[in-house]
Amino acid sequence: MLRFLSLLIALALMATPAEARKKKLPTLENNKAYVLYLEGCPICTQALEYINERYLTRLDVVTVNLETEEGQALLKQCAKKFNFQRILAPVICIGDNYFMGWSGKAAKDFDKYLVELHE
């Protein structure tokens, strides 16, 4: 009986398309801000501190570690959308805008682009 159930489960899995068995990766949405960071990066830490202090509860601000499968998927989508020539962490994609790295100007740009996102 156990062999039969194992065989039945194996057949069901083979009948399911490989794509459906894979974990669904996130898709870049134009109405969200994506902060793609590297764990342990001091510049990324500064960006995350600023963003979490002001926007932690906002559902339209998504922070994702670049070293995860989700982070890599979103980075590829951002790179394609904005035609990146190089990458510097953190990568921030907001609607039709993006920037890399973090500074006082980046903080102002983040605030500005986030407001523009919902205008």
PDB file of N, CA and C in Angstrom:
ATOM      1  N   MET A   1       0.829  -1.199   0.000  1.00  0.00           N
ATOM      2  CA  MET A   1       0.000   0.000   0.000  1.00  0.00           C
ATOM      3  C   MET A   1       0.868   1.255   0.000  1.00  0.00           C
ATOM      4  N   LEU A   2       1.927   1.240   0.815  1.00  0.00           N
ATOM      5  CA  LEU A   2       2.828   2.391   0.889  1.00  0.00           C
ATOM      6  C   LEU A   2       3.519   2.631  -0.448  1.00  0.00           C
ATOM      7  N   ARG A   3       3.919   1.523  -1.116  1.00  0.00           N
ATOM      8  CA  ARG A   3       4.539   1.667  -2.440  1.00  0.00           C
ATOM      9  C   ARG A   3       3.565   2.303  -3.422  1.00  0.00           C
ATOM     10  N   PHE A   4       2.326   1.859  -3.372  1.00  0.00           N
ATOM     11  CA  PHE A   4       1.308   2.397  -4.269  1.00  0.00           C
ATOM     12  C   PHE A   4       1.134   3.904  -4.063  1.00  0.00           C
ATOM     13  N   LEU A   5       1.048   4.336  -2.777  1.00  0.00           N
ATOM     14  CA  LEU A   5       0.904   5.771  -2.494  1.00  0.00           C
ATOM     15  C   LEU A   5       2.117   6.550  -2.949  1.00  0.00           C
ATOM     16  N   SER A   6       3.303   6.012  -2.733  1.00  0.00           N
ATOM     17  CA  SER A   6       4.535   6.675  -3.173  1.00  0.00           C
ATOM     18  C   SER A   6       4.549   6.828  -4.688  1.00  0.00           C
ATOM     19  N   LEU A   7       4.150   5.763  -5.378  1.00  0.00           N
ATOM     20  CA  LEU A   7       4.091   5.791  -6.832  1.00  0.00           C
ATOM     21  C   LEU A   7       3.063   6.804  -7.316  1.00  0.00           C
ATOM     22  N   LEU A   8       1.928   6.843  -6.663  1.00  0.00           N
ATOM     23  CA  LEU A   8       0.870   7.787  -7.016  1.00  0.00           C
ATOM     24  C   LEU A   8       1.343   9.229  -6.833  1.00  0.00           C
ATOM     25  N   ILE A   9       2.018   9.510  -5.734  1.00  0.00           N
ATOM     26  CA  ILE A   9       2.550  10.862  -5.475  1.00  0.00           C
ATOM     27  C   ILE A   9       3.605  11.214  -6.518  1.00  0.00           C
ATOM     28  N   ALA A  10       4.495  10.279  -6.826  1.00  0.00           N
ATOM     29  CA  ALA A  10       5.533  10.522  -7.828  1.00  0.00           C
ATOM     30  C   ALA A  10       4.929  10.829  -9.186  1.00  0.00           C
ATOM     31  N   LEU A  11       3.918  10.074  -9.572  1.00  0.00           N
ATOM     32  CA  LEU A  11       3.246  10.326 -10.847  1.00  0.00           C
ATOM     33  C   LEU A  11       2.554  11.685 -10.866  1.00  0.00           C
ATOM     34  N   ALA A  12       1.947  12.059  -9.764  1.00  0.00           N
ATOM     35  CA  ALA A  12       1.282  13.360  -9.684  1.00  0.00           C
ATOM     36  C   ALA A  12       2.294  14.491  -9.822  1.00  0.00           C
ATOM     37  N   LEU A  13       3.444  14.329  -9.194  1.00  0.00           N
ATOM     38  CA  LEU A  13       4.481  15.357  -9.300  1.00  0.00           C
ATOM     39  C   LEU A  13       5.032  15.457 -10.715  1.00  0.00           C
ATOM     40  N   MET A  14       5.188  14.319 -11.378  1.00  0.00           N
ATOM     41  CA  MET A  14       5.685  14.357 -12.750  1.00  0.00           C
ATOM     42  C   MET A  14       4.660  14.976 -13.684  1.00  0.00           C
ATOM     43  N   ALA A  15       3.392  14.813 -13.390  1.00  0.00           N
ATOM     44  CA  ALA A  15       2.342  15.369 -14.234  1.00  0.00           C
ATOM     45  C   ALA A  15       2.219  16.877 -14.060  1.00  0.00           C
ATOM     46  N   THR A  16       2.676  17.388 -12.911  1.00  0.00           N
ATOM     47  CA  THR A  16       2.629  18.820 -12.649  1.00  0.00           C
ATOM     48  C   THR A  16       3.791  19.477 -13.387  1.00  0.00           C
ATOM     49  N   PRO A  17       3.550  20.508 -14.172  1.00  0.00           N
ATOM     50  CA  PRO A  17       4.643  21.170 -14.881  1.00  0.00           C
ATOM     51  C   PRO A  17       5.716  21.652 -13.906  1.00  0.00           C
ATOM     52  N   ALA A  18       6.967  21.596 -14.353  1.00  0.00           N
ATOM     53  CA  ALA A  18       8.090  22.001 -13.507  1.00  0.00           C
ATOM     54  C   ALA A  18       7.926  23.437 -13.033  1.00  0.00           C
ATOM     55  N   GLU A  19       7.401  24.285 -13.890  1.00  0.00           N
ATOM     56  CA  GLU A  19       7.208  25.691 -13.524  1.00  0.00           C
ATOM     57  C   GLU A  19       6.266  25.827 -12.336  1.00  0.00           C
ATOM     58  N   ALA A  20       5.234  24.996 -12.295  1.00  0.00           N
ATOM     59  CA  ALA A  20       4.253  25.074 -11.214  1.00  0.00           C
ATOM     60  C   ALA A  20       4.832  24.574  -9.906  1.00  0.00           C
ATOM     61  N   ARG A  21       5.804  23.661  -9.972  1.00  0.00           N
ATOM     62  CA  ARG A  21       6.419  23.145  -8.760  1.00  0.00           C
ATOM     63  C   ARG A  21       7.413  24.131  -8.164  1.00  0.00           C
ATOM     64  N   LYS A  22       7.944  25.007  -8.995  1.00  0.00           N
ATOM     65  CA  LYS A  22       8.912  25.997  -8.517  1.00  0.00           C
ATOM     66  C   LYS A  22       8.215  27.056  -7.678  1.00  0.00           C
ATOM     67  N   LYS A  23       8.987  27.634  -6.775  1.00  0.00           N
ATOM     68  CA  LYS A  23       8.483  28.729  -5.964  1.00  0.00           C
ATOM     69  C   LYS A  23       8.250  29.939  -6.874  1.00  0.00           C
ATOM     70  N   LYS A  24       7.116  30.572  -6.709  1.00  0.00           N
ATOM     71  CA  LYS A  24       6.805  31.744  -7.538  1.00  0.00           C
ATOM     72  C   LYS A  24       7.655  32.921  -7.082  1.00  0.00           C
ATOM     73  N   LEU A  25       8.433  33.451  -7.997  1.00  0.00           N
ATOM     74  CA  LEU A  25       9.314  34.572  -7.679  1.00  0.00           C
ATOM     75  C   LEU A  25       8.549  35.882  -7.833  1.00  0.00           C
ATOM     76  N   PRO A  26       8.954  36.910  -7.072  1.00  0.00           N
ATOM     77  CA  PRO A  26       8.245  38.184  -7.140  1.00  0.00           C
ATOM     78  C   PRO A  26       8.420  38.861  -8.499  1.00  0.00           C
ATOM     79  N   THR A  27       7.452  39.664  -8.835  1.00  0.00           N
ATOM     80  CA  THR A  27       7.483  40.436 -10.068  1.00  0.00           C
ATOM     81  C   THR A  27       7.551  41.912  -9.714  1.00  0.00           C
ATOM     82  N   LEU A  28       8.392  42.639 -10.406  1.00  0.00           N
ATOM     83  CA  LEU A  28       8.543  44.072 -10.194  1.00  0.00           C
ATOM     84  C   LEU A  28       7.225  44.777 -10.516  1.00  0.00           C
ATOM     85  N   GLU A  29       6.706  45.524  -9.555  1.00  0.00           N
ATOM     86  CA  GLU A  29       5.458  46.260  -9.747  1.00  0.00           C
ATOM     87  C   GLU A  29       5.757  47.751  -9.765  1.00  0.00           C
ATOM     88  N   ASN A  30       5.101  48.484 -10.650  1.00  0.00           N
ATOM     89  CA  ASN A  30       5.360  49.918 -10.791  1.00  0.00           C
ATOM     90  C   ASN A  30       4.857  50.749  -9.621  1.00  0.00           C
ATOM     91  N   ASN A  31       3.979  50.191  -8.789  1.00  0.00           N
ATOM     92  CA  ASN A  31       3.418  50.964  -7.683  1.00  0.00           C
ATOM     93  C   ASN A  31       4.097  50.651  -6.348  1.00  0.00           C
ATOM     94  N   LYS A  32       5.326  50.109  -6.416  1.00  0.00           N
ATOM     95  CA  LYS A  32       6.073  49.794  -5.199  1.00  0.00           C
ATOM     96  C   LYS A  32       7.505  50.286  -5.306  1.00  0.00           C
ATOM     97  N   ALA A  33       8.102  50.494  -4.143  1.00  0.00           N
ATOM     98  CA  ALA A  33       9.521  50.850  -4.062  1.00  0.00           C
ATOM     99  C   ALA A  33      10.267  49.608  -3.611  1.00  0.00           C
ATOM    100  N   TYR A  34      11.306  49.236  -4.342  1.00  0.00           N
ATOM    101  CA  TYR A  34      12.108  48.059  -4.010  1.00  0.00           C
ATOM    102  C   TYR A  34      13.492  48.503  -3.569  1.00  0.00           C
ATOM    103  N   VAL A  35      13.889  48.044  -2.397  1.00  0.00           N
ATOM    104  CA  VAL A  35      15.215  48.327  -1.866  1.00  0.00           C
ATOM    105  C   VAL A  35      15.944  46.990  -1.841  1.00  0.00           C
ATOM    106  N   LEU A  36      16.895  46.834  -2.745  1.00  0.00           N
ATOM    107  CA  LEU A  36      17.648  45.591  -2.867  1.00  0.00           C
ATOM    108  C   LEU A  36      19.003  45.813  -2.215  1.00  0.00           C
ATOM    109  N   TYR A  37      19.275  45.083  -1.157  1.00  0.00           N
ATOM    110  CA  TYR A  37      20.457  45.338  -0.332  1.00  0.00           C
ATOM    111  C   TYR A  37      21.295  44.078  -0.157  1.00  0.00           C
ATOM    112  N   LEU A  38      22.524  44.287   0.332  1.00  0.00           N
ATOM    113  CA  LEU A  38      23.413  43.189   0.700  1.00  0.00           C
ATOM    114  C   LEU A  38      23.560  43.171   2.212  1.00  0.00           C
ATOM    115  N   GLU A  39      23.390  42.007   2.795  1.00  0.00           N
ATOM    116  CA  GLU A  39      23.559  41.841   4.240  1.00  0.00           C
ATOM    117  C   GLU A  39      25.003  42.164   4.609  1.00  0.00           C
ATOM    118  N   GLY A  40      25.176  42.993   5.628  1.00  0.00           N
ATOM    119  CA  GLY A  40      26.515  43.340   6.095  1.00  0.00           C
ATOM    120  C   GLY A  40      27.148  44.524   5.382  1.00  0.00           C
ATOM    121  N   CYS A  41      26.521  45.039   4.360  1.00  0.00           N
ATOM    122  CA  CYS A  41      27.038  46.200   3.628  1.00  0.00           C
ATOM    123  C   CYS A  41      26.731  47.456   4.445  1.00  0.00           C
ATOM    124  N   PRO A  42      27.761  48.234   4.844  1.00  0.00           N
ATOM    125  CA  PRO A  42      27.499  49.408   5.680  1.00  0.00           C
ATOM    126  C   PRO A  42      26.631  50.473   4.997  1.00  0.00           C
ATOM    127  N   ILE A  43      26.786  50.642   3.709  1.00  0.00           N
ATOM    128  CA  ILE A  43      25.969  51.630   2.990  1.00  0.00           C
ATOM    129  C   ILE A  43      24.520  51.153   2.924  1.00  0.00           C
ATOM    130  N   CYS A  44      24.338  49.862   2.701  1.00  0.00           N
ATOM    131  CA  CYS A  44      22.985  49.284   2.689  1.00  0.00           C
ATOM    132  C   CYS A  44      22.343  49.430   4.067  1.00  0.00           C
ATOM    133  N   THR A  45      23.131  49.236   5.110  1.00  0.00           N
ATOM    134  CA  THR A  45      22.624  49.372   6.475  1.00  0.00           C
ATOM    135  C   THR A  45      22.123  50.785   6.718  1.00  0.00           C
ATOM    136  N   GLN A  46      22.865  51.787   6.247  1.00  0.00           N
ATOM    137  CA  GLN A  46      22.427  53.192   6.385  1.00  0.00           C
ATOM    138  C   GLN A  46      21.100  53.405   5.673  1.00  0.00           C
ATOM    139  N   ALA A  47      20.995  52.881   4.463  1.00  0.00           N
ATOM    140  CA  ALA A  47      19.752  53.032   3.688  1.00  0.00           C
ATOM    141  C   ALA A  47      18.588  52.361   4.407  1.00  0.00           C
ATOM    142  N   LEU A  48      18.803  51.146   4.879  1.00  0.00           N
ATOM    143  CA  LEU A  48      17.734  50.408   5.561  1.00  0.00           C
ATOM    144  C   LEU A  48      17.317  51.086   6.858  1.00  0.00           C
ATOM    145  N   GLU A  49      18.273  51.648   7.593  1.00  0.00           N
ATOM    146  CA  GLU A  49      17.933  52.365   8.829  1.00  0.00           C
ATOM    147  C   GLU A  49      17.032  53.550   8.518  1.00  0.00           C
ATOM    148  N   TYR A  50      17.396  54.328   7.512  1.00  0.00           N
ATOM    149  CA  TYR A  50      16.597  55.485   7.113  1.00  0.00           C
ATOM    150  C   TYR A  50      15.201  55.051   6.672  1.00  0.00           C
ATOM    151  N   ILE A  51      15.141  54.081   5.788  1.00  0.00           N
ATOM    152  CA  ILE A  51      13.871  53.644   5.212  1.00  0.00           C
ATOM    153  C   ILE A  51      12.987  52.978   6.264  1.00  0.00           C
ATOM    154  N   ASN A  52      13.567  52.110   7.088  1.00  0.00           N
ATOM    155  CA  ASN A  52      12.775  51.440   8.126  1.00  0.00           C
ATOM    156  C   ASN A  52      12.261  52.423   9.172  1.00  0.00           C
ATOM    157  N   GLU A  53      13.046  53.440   9.470  1.00  0.00           N
ATOM    158  CA  GLU A  53      12.624  54.448  10.453  1.00  0.00           C
ATOM    159  C   GLU A  53      11.393  55.209   9.973  1.00  0.00           C
ATOM    160  N   ARG A  54      11.300  55.440   8.680  1.00  0.00           N
ATOM    161  CA  ARG A  54      10.214  56.255   8.131  1.00  0.00           C
ATOM    162  C   ARG A  54       9.091  55.442   7.478  1.00  0.00           C
ATOM    163  N   TYR A  55       9.429  54.296   6.905  1.00  0.00           N
ATOM    164  CA  TYR A  55       8.467  53.604   6.043  1.00  0.00           C
ATOM    165  C   TYR A  55       8.247  52.132   6.392  1.00  0.00           C
ATOM    166  N   LEU A  56       8.640  51.698   7.568  1.00  0.00           N
ATOM    167  CA  LEU A  56       8.589  50.281   7.935  1.00  0.00           C
ATOM    168  C   LEU A  56       7.213  49.657   7.748  1.00  0.00           C
ATOM    169  N   THR A  57       6.159  50.383   8.049  1.00  0.00           N
ATOM    170  CA  THR A  57       4.813  49.805   7.982  1.00  0.00           C
ATOM    171  C   THR A  57       4.152  49.949   6.609  1.00  0.00           C
ATOM    172  N   ARG A  58       4.816  50.590   5.677  1.00  0.00           N
ATOM    173  CA  ARG A  58       4.225  50.784   4.351  1.00  0.00           C
ATOM    174  C   ARG A  58       4.332  49.519   3.519  1.00  0.00           C
ATOM    175  N   LEU A  59       3.226  49.112   2.947  1.00  0.00           N
ATOM    176  CA  LEU A  59       3.203  47.910   2.119  1.00  0.00           C
ATOM    177  C   LEU A  59       3.802  48.151   0.738  1.00  0.00           C
ATOM    178  N   ASP A  60       3.952  49.416   0.353  1.00  0.00           N
ATOM    179  CA  ASP A  60       4.501  49.716  -0.967  1.00  0.00           C
ATOM    180  C   ASP A  60       6.020  49.870  -0.941  1.00  0.00           C
ATOM    181  N   VAL A  61       6.648  49.630   0.201  1.00  0.00           N
ATOM    182  CA  VAL A  61       8.102  49.660   0.317  1.00  0.00           C
ATOM    183  C   VAL A  61       8.561  48.238   0.647  1.00  0.00           C
ATOM    184  N   VAL A  62       9.297  47.648  -0.284  1.00  0.00           N
ATOM    185  CA  VAL A  62       9.711  46.257  -0.160  1.00  0.00           C
ATOM    186  C   VAL A  62      11.230  46.196  -0.073  1.00  0.00           C
ATOM    187  N   THR A  63      11.742  45.612   1.009  1.00  0.00           N
ATOM    188  CA  THR A  63      13.189  45.431   1.139  1.00  0.00           C
ATOM    189  C   THR A  63      13.509  43.955   0.925  1.00  0.00           C
ATOM    190  N   VAL A  64      14.505  43.704   0.070  1.00  0.00           N
ATOM    191  CA  VAL A  64      14.845  42.329  -0.285  1.00  0.00           C
ATOM    192  C   VAL A  64      16.366  42.181  -0.338  1.00  0.00           C
ATOM    193  N   ASN A  65      16.863  41.137   0.303  1.00  0.00           N
ATOM    194  CA  ASN A  65      18.287  40.839   0.291  1.00  0.00           C
ATOM    195  C   ASN A  65      18.674  40.358  -1.109  1.00  0.00           C
ATOM    196  N   LEU A  66      19.714  40.956  -1.680  1.00  0.00           N
ATOM    197  CA  LEU A  66      20.173  40.582  -3.017  1.00  0.00           C
ATOM    198  C   LEU A  66      20.720  39.161  -3.084  1.00  0.00           C
ATOM    199  N   GLU A  67      21.059  38.591  -1.944  1.00  0.00           N
ATOM    200  CA  GLU A  67      21.637  37.253  -1.931  1.00  0.00           C
ATOM    201  C   GLU A  67      20.578  36.147  -1.912  1.00  0.00           C
ATOM    202  N   THR A  68      19.310  36.540  -1.973  1.00  0.00           N
ATOM    203  CA  THR A  68      18.235  35.552  -2.010  1.00  0.00           C
ATOM    204  C   THR A  68      17.761  35.365  -3.445  1.00  0.00           C
ATOM    205  N   GLU A  69      17.022  34.296  -3.662  1.00  0.00           N
ATOM    206  CA  GLU A  69      16.458  34.032  -4.986  1.00  0.00           C
ATOM    207  C   GLU A  69      15.512  35.165  -5.393  1.00  0.00           C
ATOM    208  N   GLU A  70      14.736  35.661  -4.425  1.00  0.00           N
ATOM    209  CA  GLU A  70      13.810  36.756  -4.694  1.00  0.00           C
ATOM    210  C   GLU A  70      14.578  38.027  -5.074  1.00  0.00           C
ATOM    211  N   GLY A  71      15.651  38.298  -4.336  1.00  0.00           N
ATOM    212  CA  GLY A  71      16.473  39.479  -4.622  1.00  0.00           C
ATOM    213  C   GLY A  71      17.096  39.422  -5.998  1.00  0.00           C
ATOM    214  N   GLN A  72      17.594  38.261  -6.382  1.00  0.00           N
ATOM    215  CA  GLN A  72      18.195  38.099  -7.708  1.00  0.00           C
ATOM    216  C   GLN A  72      17.149  38.290  -8.808  1.00  0.00           C
ATOM    217  N   ALA A  73      15.946  37.757  -8.594  1.00  0.00           N
ATOM    218  CA  ALA A  73      14.879  37.895  -9.591  1.00  0.00           C
ATOM    219  C   ALA A  73      14.502  39.356  -9.772  1.00  0.00           C
ATOM    220  N   LEU A  74      14.354  40.083  -8.661  1.00  0.00           N
ATOM    221  CA  LEU A  74      13.993  41.502  -8.754  1.00  0.00           C
ATOM    222  C   LEU A  74      15.135  42.318  -9.362  1.00  0.00           C
ATOM    223  N   LEU A  75      16.374  41.987  -9.022  1.00  0.00           N
ATOM    224  CA  LEU A  75      17.516  42.701  -9.596  1.00  0.00           C
ATOM    225  C   LEU A  75      17.550  42.521 -11.109  1.00  0.00           C
ATOM    226  N   LYS A  76      17.314  41.320 -11.588  1.00  0.00           N
ATOM    227  CA  LYS A  76      17.300  41.076 -13.036  1.00  0.00           C
ATOM    228  C   LYS A  76      16.213  41.909 -13.713  1.00  0.00           C
ATOM    229  N   GLN A  77      15.055  41.992 -13.075  1.00  0.00           N
ATOM    230  CA  GLN A  77      13.962  42.777 -13.655  1.00  0.00           C
ATOM    231  C   GLN A  77      14.294  44.263 -13.669  1.00  0.00           C
ATOM    232  N   CYS A  78      14.885  44.767 -12.581  1.00  0.00           N
ATOM    233  CA  CYS A  78      15.294  46.176 -12.527  1.00  0.00           C
ATOM    234  C   CYS A  78      16.370  46.452 -13.575  1.00  0.00           C
ATOM    235  N   ALA A  79      17.347  45.554 -13.681  1.00  0.00           N
ATOM    236  CA  ALA A  79      18.441  45.730 -14.636  1.00  0.00           C
ATOM    237  C   ALA A  79      17.910  45.788 -16.063  1.00  0.00           C
ATOM    238  N   LYS A  80      16.952  44.947 -16.351  1.00  0.00           N
ATOM    239  CA  LYS A  80      16.361  44.941 -17.695  1.00  0.00           C
ATOM    240  C   LYS A  80      15.559  46.218 -17.935  1.00  0.00           C
ATOM    241  N   LYS A  81      14.764  46.602 -16.950  1.00  0.00           N
ATOM    242  CA  LYS A  81      13.908  47.789 -17.088  1.00  0.00           C
ATOM    243  C   LYS A  81      14.722  49.063 -17.274  1.00  0.00           C
ATOM    244  N   PHE A  82      15.820  49.191 -16.514  1.00  0.00           N
ATOM    245  CA  PHE A  82      16.601  50.431 -16.530  1.00  0.00           C
ATOM    246  C   PHE A  82      17.927  50.305 -17.281  1.00  0.00           C
ATOM    247  N   ASN A  83      18.185  49.152 -17.882  1.00  0.00           N
ATOM    248  CA  ASN A  83      19.385  48.939 -18.680  1.00  0.00           C
ATOM    249  C   ASN A  83      20.669  49.255 -17.887  1.00  0.00           C
ATOM    250  N   PHE A  84      20.818  48.614 -16.747  1.00  0.00           N
ATOM    251  CA  PHE A  84      21.996  48.835 -15.903  1.00  0.00           C
ATOM    252  C   PHE A  84      23.275  48.471 -16.649  1.00  0.00           C
ATOM    253  N   GLN A  85      24.282  49.299 -16.494  1.00  0.00           N
ATOM    254  CA  GLN A  85      25.610  49.005 -17.020  1.00  0.00           C
ATOM    255  C   GLN A  85      26.502  48.433 -15.919  1.00  0.00           C
ATOM    256  N   ARG A  86      26.207  48.813 -14.687  1.00  0.00           N
ATOM    257  CA  ARG A  86      26.934  48.322 -13.520  1.00  0.00           C
ATOM    258  C   ARG A  86      25.960  48.311 -12.346  1.00  0.00           C
ATOM    259  N   ILE A  87      26.366  47.661 -11.274  1.00  0.00           N
ATOM    260  CA  ILE A  87      25.484  47.574 -10.106  1.00  0.00           C
ATOM    261  C   ILE A  87      26.266  47.955  -8.863  1.00  0.00           C
ATOM    262  N   LEU A  88      25.664  48.820  -8.062  1.00  0.00           N
ATOM    263  CA  LEU A  88      26.224  49.260  -6.792  1.00  0.00           C
ATOM    264  C   LEU A  88      25.117  49.140  -5.757  1.00  0.00           C
ATOM    265  N   ALA A  89      25.397  48.467  -4.657  1.00  0.00           N
ATOM    266  CA  ALA A  89      24.372  48.263  -3.619  1.00  0.00           C
ATOM    267  C   ALA A  89      24.310  49.465  -2.687  1.00  0.00           C
ATOM    268  N   PRO A  90      23.124  49.764  -2.190  1.00  0.00           N
ATOM    269  CA  PRO A  90      21.850  49.149  -2.527  1.00  0.00           C
ATOM    270  C   PRO A  90      21.326  49.635  -3.873  1.00  0.00           C
ATOM    271  N   VAL A  91      20.471  48.823  -4.454  1.00  0.00           N
ATOM    272  CA  VAL A  91      19.777  49.194  -5.691  1.00  0.00           C
ATOM    273  C   VAL A  91      18.346  49.515  -5.287  1.00  0.00           C
ATOM    274  N   ILE A  92      17.888  50.701  -5.675  1.00  0.00           N
ATOM    275  CA  ILE A  92      16.539  51.123  -5.306  1.00  0.00           C
ATOM    276  C   ILE A  92      15.768  51.442  -6.581  1.00  0.00           C
ATOM    277  N   CYS A  93      14.679  50.722  -6.796  1.00  0.00           N
ATOM    278  CA  CYS A  93      13.817  50.901  -7.965  1.00  0.00           C
ATOM    279  C   CYS A  93      12.442  51.351  -7.476  1.00  0.00           C
ATOM    280  N   ILE A  94      12.028  52.509  -7.941  1.00  0.00           N
ATOM    281  CA  ILE A  94      10.731  53.070  -7.543  1.00  0.00           C
ATOM    282  C   ILE A  94      10.017  53.542  -8.798  1.00  0.00           C
ATOM    283  N   GLY A  95       8.995  52.816  -9.202  1.00  0.00           N
ATOM    284  CA  GLY A  95       8.239  53.227 -10.388  1.00  0.00           C
ATOM    285  C   GLY A  95       9.140  53.333 -11.603  1.00  0.00           C
ATOM    286  N   ASP A  96       9.236  54.535 -12.173  1.00  0.00           N
ATOM    287  CA  ASP A  96      10.070  54.769 -13.347  1.00  0.00           C
ATOM    288  C   ASP A  96      11.425  55.362 -12.991  1.00  0.00           C
ATOM    289  N   ASN A  97      11.815  55.273 -11.732  1.00  0.00           N
ATOM    290  CA  ASN A  97      13.082  55.821 -11.264  1.00  0.00           C
ATOM    291  C   ASN A  97      13.901  54.755 -10.549  1.00  0.00           C
ATOM    292  N   TYR A  98      15.205  54.964 -10.566  1.00  0.00           N
ATOM    293  CA  TYR A  98      16.087  54.087  -9.796  1.00  0.00           C
ATOM    294  C   TYR A  98      17.332  54.874  -9.395  1.00  0.00           C
ATOM    295  N   PHE A  99      17.986  54.407  -8.374  1.00  0.00           N
ATOM    296  CA  PHE A  99      19.319  54.891  -8.039  1.00  0.00           C
ATOM    297  C   PHE A  99      20.044  53.813  -7.270  1.00  0.00           C
ATOM    298  N   MET A 100      21.364  53.975  -7.195  1.00  0.00           N
ATOM    299  CA  MET A 100      22.198  53.001  -6.504  1.00  0.00           C
ATOM    300  C   MET A 100      23.056  53.728  -5.489  1.00  0.00           C
ATOM    301  N   GLY A 101      23.404  53.005  -4.434  1.00  0.00           N
ATOM    302  CA  GLY A 101      24.178  53.625  -3.369  1.00  0.00           C
ATOM    303  C   GLY A 101      23.254  54.400  -2.442  1.00  0.00           C
ATOM    304  N   TRP A 102      23.848  55.091  -1.473  1.00  0.00           N
ATOM    305  CA  TRP A 102      23.042  55.844  -0.512  1.00  0.00           C
ATOM    306  C   TRP A 102      23.803  57.061  -0.034  1.00  0.00           C
ATOM    307  N   SER A 103      23.099  58.186   0.075  1.00  0.00           N
ATOM    308  CA  SER A 103      23.668  59.446   0.550  1.00  0.00           C
ATOM    309  C   SER A 103      22.507  60.330   0.993  1.00  0.00           C
ATOM    310  N   GLY A 104      22.816  61.548   1.412  1.00  0.00           N
ATOM    311  CA  GLY A 104      21.758  62.494   1.755  1.00  0.00           C
ATOM    312  C   GLY A 104      20.859  62.765   0.563  1.00  0.00           C
ATOM    313  N   LYS A 105      21.448  62.877  -0.630  1.00  0.00           N
ATOM    314  CA  LYS A 105      20.661  63.097  -1.841  1.00  0.00           C
ATOM    315  C   LYS A 105      19.777  61.886  -2.131  1.00  0.00           C
ATOM    316  N   ALA A 106      20.308  60.697  -1.927  1.00  0.00           N
ATOM    317  CA  ALA A 106      19.520  59.482  -2.161  1.00  0.00           C
ATOM    318  C   ALA A 106      18.314  59.437  -1.233  1.00  0.00           C
ATOM    319  N   ALA A 107      18.497  59.853   0.009  1.00  0.00           N
ATOM    320  CA  ALA A 107      17.380  59.878   0.964  1.00  0.00           C
ATOM    321  C   ALA A 107      16.284  60.832   0.470  1.00  0.00           C
ATOM    322  N   LYS A 108      16.688  62.011   0.009  1.00  0.00           N
ATOM    323  CA  LYS A 108      15.717  62.981  -0.520  1.00  0.00           C
ATOM    324  C   LYS A 108      15.031  62.432  -1.773  1.00  0.00           C
ATOM    325  N   ASP A 109      15.820  61.799  -2.650  1.00  0.00           N
ATOM    326  CA  ASP A 109      15.249  61.210  -3.864  1.00  0.00           C
ATOM    327  C   ASP A 109      14.252  60.105  -3.516  1.00  0.00           C
ATOM    328  N   PHE A 110      14.596  59.283  -2.537  1.00  0.00           N
ATOM    329  CA  PHE A 110      13.692  58.209  -2.127  1.00  0.00           C
ATOM    330  C   PHE A 110      12.355  58.798  -1.681  1.00  0.00           C
ATOM    331  N   ASP A 111      12.407  59.796  -0.811  1.00  0.00           N
ATOM    332  CA  ASP A 111      11.179  60.442  -0.329  1.00  0.00           C
ATOM    333  C   ASP A 111      10.378  61.027  -1.493  1.00  0.00           C
ATOM    334  N   LYS A 112      11.070  61.730  -2.381  1.00  0.00           N
ATOM    335  CA  LYS A 112      10.416  62.380  -3.525  1.00  0.00           C
ATOM    336  C   LYS A 112       9.776  61.350  -4.459  1.00  0.00           C
ATOM    337  N   TYR A 113      10.528  60.329  -4.831  1.00  0.00           N
ATOM    338  CA  TYR A 113      10.012  59.315  -5.752  1.00  0.00           C
ATOM    339  C   TYR A 113       8.862  58.529  -5.139  1.00  0.00           C
ATOM    340  N   LEU A 114       8.914  58.310  -3.842  1.00  0.00           N
ATOM    341  CA  LEU A 114       7.827  57.583  -3.170  1.00  0.00           C
ATOM    342  C   LEU A 114       6.531  58.386  -3.219  1.00  0.00           C
ATOM    343  N   VAL A 115       6.636  59.706  -3.045  1.00  0.00           N
ATOM    344  CA  VAL A 115       5.463  60.573  -3.139  1.00  0.00           C
ATOM    345  C   VAL A 115       4.924  60.558  -4.580  1.00  0.00           C
ATOM    346  N   GLU A 116       5.844  60.679  -5.552  1.00  0.00           N
ATOM    347  CA  GLU A 116       5.454  60.684  -6.965  1.00  0.00           C
ATOM    348  C   GLU A 116       4.792  59.371  -7.382  1.00  0.00           C
ATOM    349  N   LEU A 117       5.159  58.302  -6.725  1.00  0.00           N
ATOM    350  CA  LEU A 117       4.618  56.992  -7.038  1.00  0.00           C
ATOM    351  C   LEU A 117       3.103  56.944  -6.932  1.00  0.00           C
ATOM    352  N   HIS A 118       2.553  57.744  -6.041  1.00  0.00           N
ATOM    353  CA  HIS A 118       1.113  57.699  -5.777  1.00  0.00           C
ATOM    354  C   HIS A 118       0.370  58.956  -6.228  1.00  0.00           C
ATOM    355  N   GLU A 119       1.012  59.748  -7.039  1.00  0.00           N
ATOM    356  CA  GLU A 119       0.336  60.959  -7.558  1.00  0.00           C
ATOM    357  C   GLU A 119      -0.518  60.633  -8.757  1.00  0.00           C
TER     358      GLU A 119
END
